[in-house]
Amino acid sequence: MAIQYLSEGKSVADTASELDFSSDSAFVSFFRQQTGETPGKYVGEGQ
């Protein structure tokens, strides 16, 4: 779901909020653990 939101152009802050993370940094940490990249880098590379 996070990748879909980010691919649609939602910001990291909006995506974190939509997915009920306690903070943007918590979302970024979780995303990095799952994908090996930050959300910005992952989406920027067209994954």
C-alpha atoms as a PDB file:
ATOM      1  CA  MET A   1       0.000   0.000   0.000  1.00  0.00           C
ATOM      2  CA  ALA A   2       2.834   2.403   0.818  1.00  0.00           C
ATOM      3  CA  ILE A   3       4.394   1.983  -2.602  1.00  0.00           C
ATOM      4  CA  GLN A   4       1.041   2.652  -4.239  1.00  0.00           C
ATOM      5  CA  TYR A   5       0.541   5.871  -2.252  1.00  0.00           C
ATOM      6  CA  LEU A   6       4.053   7.084  -2.988  1.00  0.00           C
ATOM      7  CA  SER A   7       3.723   6.188  -6.673  1.00  0.00           C
ATOM      8  CA  GLU A   8       0.532   8.244  -6.811  1.00  0.00           C
ATOM      9  CA  GLY A   9       2.539  11.243  -5.669  1.00  0.00           C
ATOM     10  CA  LYS A  10       1.585  11.307  -1.989  1.00  0.00           C
ATOM     11  CA  SER A  11       4.278  12.680   0.270  1.00  0.00           C
ATOM     12  CA  VAL A  12       6.109  10.581   2.828  1.00  0.00           C
ATOM     13  CA  ALA A  13       4.267  12.503   5.564  1.00  0.00           C
ATOM     14  CA  ASP A  14       0.861  11.834   4.008  1.00  0.00           C
ATOM     15  CA  THR A  15       1.692   8.174   3.411  1.00  0.00           C
ATOM     16  CA  ALA A  16       2.918   7.720   6.985  1.00  0.00           C
ATOM     17  CA  SER A  17      -0.262   9.321   8.291  1.00  0.00           C
ATOM     18  CA  GLU A  18      -2.531   7.236   6.032  1.00  0.00           C
ATOM     19  CA  LEU A  19      -0.833   4.062   7.268  1.00  0.00           C
ATOM     20  CA  ASP A  20      -1.042   5.115  10.945  1.00  0.00           C
ATOM     21  CA  PHE A  21       2.680   5.364  11.641  1.00  0.00           C
ATOM     22  CA  SER A  22       3.535   7.374  14.737  1.00  0.00           C
ATOM     23  CA  SER A  23       5.917   9.603  12.762  1.00  0.00           C
ATOM     24  CA  ASP A  24       7.447  10.124   9.343  1.00  0.00           C
ATOM     25  CA  SER A  25      10.769   8.774  10.590  1.00  0.00           C
ATOM     26  CA  ALA A  26       9.107   5.592  11.875  1.00  0.00           C
ATOM     27  CA  PHE A  27       7.623   5.046   8.411  1.00  0.00           C
ATOM     28  CA  VAL A  28      10.954   5.724   6.667  1.00  0.00           C
ATOM     29  CA  SER A  29      12.743   3.280   8.997  1.00  0.00           C
ATOM     30  CA  PHE A  30      10.127   0.584   8.384  1.00  0.00           C
ATOM     31  CA  PHE A  31      10.180   1.178   4.627  1.00  0.00           C
ATOM     32  CA  ARG A  32      13.991   0.978   4.551  1.00  0.00           C
ATOM     33  CA  GLN A  33      13.934  -2.293   6.515  1.00  0.00           C
ATOM     34  CA  GLN A  34      11.463  -3.789   4.042  1.00  0.00           C
ATOM     35  CA  THR A  35      12.937  -2.542   0.764  1.00  0.00           C
ATOM     36  CA  GLY A  36      16.544  -1.613   1.535  1.00  0.00           C
ATOM     37  CA  GLU A  37      15.941   1.961   0.355  1.00  0.00           C
ATOM     38  CA  THR A  38      14.285   5.128   1.550  1.00  0.00           C
ATOM     39  CA  PRO A  39      10.835   5.880   0.135  1.00  0.00           C
ATOM     40  CA  GLY A  40      12.133   8.791  -1.926  1.00  0.00           C
ATOM     41  CA  LYS A  41      14.908   6.771  -3.488  1.00  0.00           C
ATOM     42  CA  TYR A  42      12.663   3.769  -4.129  1.00  0.00           C
ATOM     43  CA  VAL A  43       9.985   5.776  -5.925  1.00  0.00           C
ATOM     44  CA  GLY A  44      12.525   8.027  -7.634  1.00  0.00           C
ATOM     45  CA  GLU A  45      14.115   5.008  -9.271  1.00  0.00           C
ATOM     46  CA  GLY A  46      10.762   3.946 -10.714  1.00  0.00           C
ATOM     47  CA  GLN A  47      10.490   0.699  -8.807  1.00  0.00           C
END
